[in-house]
PDB file of all heavy atoms in Angstrom:
ATOM      1  N   ARG A   1      -1.258 -78.396  44.656  1.00  0.00           N
ATOM      2  CA  ARG A   1      -2.262 -78.167  43.611  1.00  0.00           C
ATOM      3  C   ARG A   1      -2.069 -79.185  42.483  1.00  0.00           C
ATOM      4  O   ARG A   1      -2.874 -80.079  42.324  1.00  0.00           O
ATOM      5  CB  ARG A   1      -2.149 -76.732  43.084  1.00  0.00           C
ATOM      6  CG  ARG A   1      -2.447 -75.681  44.160  1.00  0.00           C
ATOM      7  CD  ARG A   1      -2.126 -74.274  43.684  1.00  0.00           C
ATOM      8  NE  ARG A   1      -2.884 -73.921  42.489  1.00  0.00           N
ATOM      9  CZ  ARG A   1      -4.138 -73.477  42.514  1.00  0.00           C
ATOM     10  NH1 ARG A   1      -4.769 -73.328  43.652  1.00  0.00           N
ATOM     11  NH2 ARG A   1      -4.762 -73.172  41.390  1.00  0.00           N
ATOM     12  N   GLU A   2      -0.965 -79.055  41.749  1.00  0.00           N
ATOM     13  CA  GLU A   2      -0.673 -80.032  40.690  1.00  0.00           C
ATOM     14  C   GLU A   2      -0.065 -81.300  41.267  1.00  0.00           C
ATOM     15  O   GLU A   2      -0.237 -82.394  40.722  1.00  0.00           O
ATOM     16  CB  GLU A   2       0.278 -79.405  39.675  1.00  0.00           C
ATOM     17  CG  GLU A   2       0.582 -80.278  38.480  1.00  0.00           C
ATOM     18  CD  GLU A   2       1.506 -79.583  37.493  1.00  0.00           C
ATOM     19  OE1 GLU A   2       1.297 -78.383  37.220  1.00  0.00           O
ATOM     20  OE2 GLU A   2       2.438 -80.248  36.996  1.00  0.00           O
ATOM     21  N   PHE A   3       0.669 -81.150  42.367  1.00  0.00           N
ATOM     22  CA  PHE A   3       1.250 -82.301  43.077  1.00  0.00           C
ATOM     23  C   PHE A   3       1.128 -82.054  44.575  1.00  0.00           C
ATOM     24  O   PHE A   3       0.874 -80.934  45.018  1.00  0.00           O
ATOM     25  CB  PHE A   3       2.711 -82.530  42.663  1.00  0.00           C
ATOM     26  CG  PHE A   3       3.593 -81.320  42.815  1.00  0.00           C
ATOM     27  CD1 PHE A   3       4.277 -81.060  43.999  1.00  0.00           C
ATOM     28  CD2 PHE A   3       3.761 -80.421  41.757  1.00  0.00           C
ATOM     29  CE1 PHE A   3       5.089 -79.942  44.141  1.00  0.00           C
ATOM     30  CE2 PHE A   3       4.573 -79.298  41.886  1.00  0.00           C
ATOM     31  CZ  PHE A   3       5.241 -79.062  43.081  1.00  0.00           C
ATOM     32  N   ASP A   4       1.310 -83.112  45.373  1.00  0.00           N
ATOM     33  CA  ASP A   4       1.081 -83.024  46.814  1.00  0.00           C
ATOM     34  C   ASP A   4       2.045 -82.059  47.486  1.00  0.00           C
ATOM     35  O   ASP A   4       3.220 -81.955  47.116  1.00  0.00           O
ATOM     36  CB  ASP A   4       1.194 -84.410  47.453  1.00  0.00           C
ATOM     37  CG  ASP A   4      -0.007 -85.293  47.145  1.00  0.00           C
ATOM     38  OD1 ASP A   4      -1.032 -84.748  46.685  1.00  0.00           O
ATOM     39  OD2 ASP A   4       0.078 -86.515  47.366  1.00  0.00           O
ATOM     40  N   GLY A   5       1.512 -81.344  48.501  1.00  0.00           N
ATOM     41  CA  GLY A   5       2.271 -80.292  49.158  1.00  0.00           C
ATOM     42  C   GLY A   5       2.667 -80.597  50.580  1.00  0.00           C
ATOM     43  O   GLY A   5       2.963 -81.743  50.934  1.00  0.00           O
ATOM     44  N   GLY A   6       2.659 -79.558  51.423  1.00  0.00           N
ATOM     45  CA  GLY A   6       3.330 -79.592  52.710  1.00  0.00           C
ATOM     46  C   GLY A   6       2.561 -80.147  53.884  1.00  0.00           C
ATOM     47  O   GLY A   6       3.124 -80.282  54.975  1.00  0.00           O
ATOM     48  N   TYR A   7       1.286 -80.520  53.725  1.00  0.00           N
ATOM     49  CA  TYR A   7       0.503 -81.049  54.850  1.00  0.00           C
ATOM     50  C   TYR A   7       0.812 -82.535  55.067  1.00  0.00           C
ATOM     51  O   TYR A   7      -0.082 -83.381  55.070  1.00  0.00           O
ATOM     52  CB  TYR A   7      -0.993 -80.924  54.582  1.00  0.00           C
ATOM     53  CG  TYR A   7      -1.613 -79.554  54.607  1.00  0.00           C
ATOM     54  CD1 TYR A   7      -0.856 -78.381  54.552  1.00  0.00           C
ATOM     55  CD2 TYR A   7      -2.999 -79.417  54.654  1.00  0.00           C
ATOM     56  CE1 TYR A   7      -1.460 -77.132  54.554  1.00  0.00           C
ATOM     57  CE2 TYR A   7      -3.611 -78.177  54.657  1.00  0.00           C
ATOM     58  CZ  TYR A   7      -2.849 -77.044  54.605  1.00  0.00           C
ATOM     59  OH  TYR A   7      -3.459 -75.810  54.593  1.00  0.00           O
ATOM     60  N   ALA A   8       2.062 -82.866  55.276  1.00  0.00           N
ATOM     61  CA  ALA A   8       2.452 -84.266  55.390  1.00  0.00           C
ATOM     62  C   ALA A   8       3.806 -84.377  56.087  1.00  0.00           C
ATOM     63  O   ALA A   8       4.506 -83.378  56.265  1.00  0.00           O
ATOM     64  CB  ALA A   8       2.533 -84.912  53.998  1.00  0.00           C
ATOM     65  N   GLU A   9       4.166 -85.590  56.461  1.00  0.00           N
ATOM     66  CA  GLU A   9       5.472 -85.806  57.089  1.00  0.00           C
ATOM     67  C   GLU A   9       6.599 -85.754  56.073  1.00  0.00           C
ATOM     68  O   GLU A   9       7.741 -85.428  56.427  1.00  0.00           O
ATOM     69  CB  GLU A   9       5.468 -87.140  57.830  1.00  0.00           C
ATOM     70  CG  GLU A   9       4.531 -87.160  59.034  1.00  0.00           C
ATOM     71  CD  GLU A   9       4.509 -88.481  59.748  1.00  0.00           C
ATOM     72  OE1 GLU A   9       4.538 -89.533  59.083  1.00  0.00           O
ATOM     73  OE2 GLU A   9       4.451 -88.478  61.002  1.00  0.00           O
ATOM     74  N   TYR A  10       6.300 -86.086  54.809  1.00  0.00           N
ATOM     75  CA  TYR A  10       7.280 -85.996  53.730  1.00  0.00           C
ATOM     76  C   TYR A  10       6.604 -85.387  52.502  1.00  0.00           C
ATOM     77  O   TYR A  10       5.407 -85.569  52.275  1.00  0.00           O
ATOM     78  CB  TYR A  10       7.833 -87.378  53.352  1.00  0.00           C
ATOM     79  CG  TYR A  10       8.744 -87.975  54.388  1.00  0.00           C
ATOM     80  CD1 TYR A  10       8.225 -88.774  55.400  1.00  0.00           C
ATOM     81  CD2 TYR A  10      10.124 -87.749  54.365  1.00  0.00           C
ATOM     82  CE1 TYR A  10       9.056 -89.328  56.368  1.00  0.00           C
ATOM     83  CE2 TYR A  10      10.964 -88.299  55.326  1.00  0.00           C
ATOM     84  CZ  TYR A  10      10.421 -89.089  56.325  1.00  0.00           C
ATOM     85  OH  TYR A  10      11.249 -89.632  57.282  1.00  0.00           O
ATOM     86  N   ALA A  11       7.405 -84.674  51.710  1.00  0.00           N
ATOM     87  CA  ALA A  11       6.912 -84.117  50.453  1.00  0.00           C
ATOM     88  C   ALA A  11       7.956 -84.340  49.375  1.00  0.00           C
ATOM     89  O   ALA A  11       9.150 -84.065  49.589  1.00  0.00           O
ATOM     90  CB  ALA A  11       6.616 -82.622  50.604  1.00  0.00           C
ATOM     91  N   LEU A  12       7.539 -84.849  48.228  1.00  0.00           N
ATOM     92  CA  LEU A  12       8.422 -84.984  47.074  1.00  0.00           C
ATOM     93  C   LEU A  12       8.285 -83.718  46.245  1.00  0.00           C
ATOM     94  O   LEU A  12       7.199 -83.418  45.741  1.00  0.00           O
ATOM     95  CB  LEU A  12       8.041 -86.211  46.244  1.00  0.00           C
ATOM     96  CG  LEU A  12       8.972 -86.499  45.057  1.00  0.00           C
ATOM     97  CD1 LEU A  12      10.362 -86.921  45.545  1.00  0.00           C
ATOM     98  CD2 LEU A  12       8.374 -87.569  44.146  1.00  0.00           C
ATOM     99  N   LEU A  13       9.391 -82.966  46.118  1.00  0.00           N
ATOM    100  CA  LEU A  13       9.328 -81.638  45.522  1.00  0.00           C
ATOM    101  C   LEU A  13      10.357 -81.483  44.403  1.00  0.00           C
ATOM    102  O   LEU A  13      11.452 -82.060  44.476  1.00  0.00           O
ATOM    103  CB  LEU A  13       9.591 -80.572  46.593  1.00  0.00           C
ATOM    104  CG  LEU A  13       8.634 -80.587  47.792  1.00  0.00           C
ATOM    105  CD1 LEU A  13       9.091 -79.583  48.837  1.00  0.00           C
ATOM    106  CD2 LEU A  13       7.211 -80.305  47.346  1.00  0.00           C
ATOM    107  N   PRO A  14      10.033 -80.684  43.380  1.00  0.00           N
ATOM    108  CA  PRO A  14      11.012 -80.422  42.320  1.00  0.00           C
ATOM    109  C   PRO A  14      12.254 -79.739  42.894  1.00  0.00           C
ATOM    110  O   PRO A  14      12.146 -78.831  43.723  1.00  0.00           O
ATOM    111  CB  PRO A  14      10.265 -79.484  41.373  1.00  0.00           C
ATOM    112  CG  PRO A  14       8.820 -79.669  41.685  1.00  0.00           C
ATOM    113  CD  PRO A  14       8.751 -80.000  43.139  1.00  0.00           C
ATOM    114  N   ASN A  15      13.419 -80.154  42.458  1.00  0.00           N
ATOM    115  CA  ASN A  15      14.662 -79.527  42.931  1.00  0.00           C
ATOM    116  C   ASN A  15      14.656 -78.020  42.683  1.00  0.00           C
ATOM    117  O   ASN A  15      15.235 -77.249  43.454  1.00  0.00           O
ATOM    118  CB  ASN A  15      15.867 -80.163  42.241  1.00  0.00           C
ATOM    119  CG  ASN A  15      16.083 -81.606  42.654  1.00  0.00           C
ATOM    120  OD1 ASN A  15      15.695 -82.012  43.748  1.00  0.00           O
ATOM    121  ND2 ASN A  15      16.699 -82.394  41.774  1.00  0.00           N
ATOM    122  N   SER A  16      14.008 -77.608  41.602  1.00  0.00           N
ATOM    123  CA  SER A  16      13.995 -76.186  41.255  1.00  0.00           C
ATOM    124  C   SER A  16      13.257 -75.334  42.278  1.00  0.00           C
ATOM    125  O   SER A  16      13.438 -74.111  42.315  1.00  0.00           O
ATOM    126  CB  SER A  16      13.354 -75.991  39.881  1.00  0.00           C
ATOM    127  OG  SER A  16      12.011 -76.479  39.887  1.00  0.00           O
ATOM    128  N   LEU A  17      12.431 -75.952  43.128  1.00  0.00           N
ATOM    129  CA  LEU A  17      11.693 -75.195  44.147  1.00  0.00           C
ATOM    130  C   LEU A  17      12.448 -75.082  45.462  1.00  0.00           C
ATOM    131  O   LEU A  17      12.108 -74.246  46.301  1.00  0.00           O
ATOM    132  CB  LEU A  17      10.336 -75.855  44.434  1.00  0.00           C
ATOM    133  CG  LEU A  17       9.220 -75.696  43.421  1.00  0.00           C
ATOM    134  CD1 LEU A  17       7.922 -76.240  44.014  1.00  0.00           C
ATOM    135  CD2 LEU A  17       9.042 -74.242  43.008  1.00  0.00           C
ATOM    136  N   LEU A  18      13.446 -75.912  45.670  1.00  0.00           N
ATOM    137  CA  LEU A  18      14.086 -76.005  46.986  1.00  0.00           C
ATOM    138  C   LEU A  18      15.070 -74.859  47.201  1.00  0.00           C
ATOM    139  O   LEU A  18      15.965 -74.617  46.392  1.00  0.00           O
ATOM    140  CB  LEU A  18      14.792 -77.347  47.134  1.00  0.00           C
ATOM    141  CG  LEU A  18      13.879 -78.578  47.014  1.00  0.00           C
ATOM    142  CD1 LEU A  18      14.682 -79.851  47.226  1.00  0.00           C
ATOM    143  CD2 LEU A  18      12.709 -78.502  47.999  1.00  0.00           C
ATOM    144  N   MET A  19      14.910 -74.171  48.332  1.00  0.00           N
ATOM    145  CA  MET A  19      15.776 -73.059  48.702  1.00  0.00           C
ATOM    146  C   MET A  19      16.574 -73.455  49.940  1.00  0.00           C
ATOM    147  O   MET A  19      16.003 -73.606  51.025  1.00  0.00           O
ATOM    148  CB  MET A  19      14.935 -71.813  49.003  1.00  0.00           C
ATOM    149  CG  MET A  19      14.166 -71.286  47.820  1.00  0.00           C
ATOM    150  SD  MET A  19      13.182 -69.797  48.212  1.00  0.00           S
ATOM    151  CE  MET A  19      11.728 -70.536  48.942  1.00  0.00           C
ATOM    152  N   PRO A  20      17.887 -73.646  49.822  1.00  0.00           N
ATOM    153  CA  PRO A  20      18.680 -74.001  51.005  1.00  0.00           C
ATOM    154  C   PRO A  20      18.743 -72.833  51.977  1.00  0.00           C
ATOM    155  O   PRO A  20      18.907 -71.680  51.579  1.00  0.00           O
ATOM    156  CB  PRO A  20      20.056 -74.318  50.416  1.00  0.00           C
ATOM    157  CG  PRO A  20      20.104 -73.570  49.123  1.00  0.00           C
ATOM    158  CD  PRO A  20      18.706 -73.543  48.603  1.00  0.00           C
ATOM    159  N   ILE A  21      18.609 -73.121  53.256  1.00  0.00           N
ATOM    160  CA  ILE A  21      18.577 -72.099  54.288  1.00  0.00           C
ATOM    161  C   ILE A  21      19.531 -72.471  55.412  1.00  0.00           C
ATOM    162  O   ILE A  21      19.555 -73.622  55.860  1.00  0.00           O
ATOM    163  CB  ILE A  21      17.154 -71.939  54.871  1.00  0.00           C
ATOM    164  CG1 ILE A  21      16.180 -71.474  53.797  1.00  0.00           C
ATOM    165  CG2 ILE A  21      17.141 -70.974  56.063  1.00  0.00           C
ATOM    166  CD1 ILE A  21      16.454 -70.092  53.259  1.00  0.00           C
ATOM    167  N   THR A  22      20.307 -71.501  55.854  1.00  0.00           N
ATOM    168  CA  THR A  22      21.128 -71.658  57.057  1.00  0.00           C
ATOM    169  C   THR A  22      20.464 -70.863  58.168  1.00  0.00           C
ATOM    170  O   THR A  22      20.226 -69.663  58.023  1.00  0.00           O
ATOM    171  CB  THR A  22      22.550 -71.131  56.821  1.00  0.00           C
ATOM    172  OG1 THR A  22      23.142 -71.848  55.740  1.00  0.00           O
ATOM    173  CG2 THR A  22      23.402 -71.300  58.076  1.00  0.00           C
ATOM    174  N   THR A  23      20.140 -71.534  59.278  1.00  0.00           N
ATOM    175  CA  THR A  23      19.383 -70.844  60.321  1.00  0.00           C
ATOM    176  C   THR A  23      19.510 -71.548  61.669  1.00  0.00           C
ATOM    177  O   THR A  23      19.789 -72.753  61.730  1.00  0.00           O
ATOM    178  CB  THR A  23      17.892 -70.761  59.946  1.00  0.00           C
ATOM    179  OG1 THR A  23      17.191 -70.012  60.937  1.00  0.00           O
ATOM    180  CG2 THR A  23      17.273 -72.140  59.831  1.00  0.00           C
ATOM    181  N   THR A  24      19.279 -70.776  62.727  1.00  0.00           N
ATOM    182  CA  THR A  24      19.171 -71.321  64.082  1.00  0.00           C
ATOM    183  C   THR A  24      17.746 -71.198  64.599  1.00  0.00           C
ATOM    184  O   THR A  24      17.477 -71.511  65.762  1.00  0.00           O
ATOM    185  CB  THR A  24      20.117 -70.561  65.038  1.00  0.00           C
ATOM    186  OG1 THR A  24      19.773 -69.163  65.027  1.00  0.00           O
ATOM    187  CG2 THR A  24      21.564 -70.719  64.613  1.00  0.00           C
ATOM    188  N   LEU A  25      16.817 -70.746  63.769  1.00  0.00           N
ATOM    189  CA  LEU A  25      15.441 -70.552  64.199  1.00  0.00           C
ATOM    190  C   LEU A  25      14.748 -71.890  64.455  1.00  0.00           C
ATOM    191  O   LEU A  25      15.020 -72.878  63.762  1.00  0.00           O
ATOM    192  CB  LEU A  25      14.647 -69.788  63.136  1.00  0.00           C
ATOM    193  CG  LEU A  25      15.076 -68.346  62.843  1.00  0.00           C
ATOM    194  CD1 LEU A  25      14.282 -67.793  61.661  1.00  0.00           C
ATOM    195  CD2 LEU A  25      14.877 -67.473  64.073  1.00  0.00           C
ATOM    196  N   PRO A  26      13.834 -71.940  65.415  1.00  0.00           N
ATOM    197  CA  PRO A  26      13.035 -73.157  65.597  1.00  0.00           C
ATOM    198  C   PRO A  26      12.134 -73.379  64.387  1.00  0.00           C
ATOM    199  O   PRO A  26      11.788 -72.437  63.664  1.00  0.00           O
ATOM    200  CB  PRO A  26      12.221 -72.877  66.870  1.00  0.00           C
ATOM    201  CG  PRO A  26      12.224 -71.395  67.014  1.00  0.00           C
ATOM    202  CD  PRO A  26      13.501 -70.899  66.415  1.00  0.00           C
ATOM    203  N   TRP A  27      11.736 -74.625  64.182  1.00  0.00           N
ATOM    204  CA  TRP A  27      11.006 -74.974  62.977  1.00  0.00           C
ATOM    205  C   TRP A  27       9.701 -74.201  62.827  1.00  0.00           C
ATOM    206  O   TRP A  27       9.339 -73.797  61.718  1.00  0.00           O
ATOM    207  CB  TRP A  27      10.714 -76.474  62.940  1.00  0.00           C
ATOM    208  CG  TRP A  27      11.926 -77.312  62.691  1.00  0.00           C
ATOM    209  CD1 TRP A  27      12.509 -78.200  63.550  1.00  0.00           C
ATOM    210  CD2 TRP A  27      12.724 -77.335  61.492  1.00  0.00           C
ATOM    211  NE1 TRP A  27      13.622 -78.782  62.966  1.00  0.00           N
ATOM    212  CE2 TRP A  27      13.770 -78.277  61.704  1.00  0.00           C
ATOM    213  CE3 TRP A  27      12.661 -76.671  60.268  1.00  0.00           C
ATOM    214  CZ2 TRP A  27      14.732 -78.552  60.738  1.00  0.00           C
ATOM    215  CZ3 TRP A  27      13.618 -76.949  59.299  1.00  0.00           C
ATOM    216  CH2 TRP A  27      14.640 -77.874  59.542  1.00  0.00           C
TER     217      TRP A  27
END
């Protein structure tokens, strides 16, 4: 909305939004 989102191969995102996840699930 204010900046480009997830419909892309790469996204530049604020660090404050990033949630680290440990998982074995497929993407």
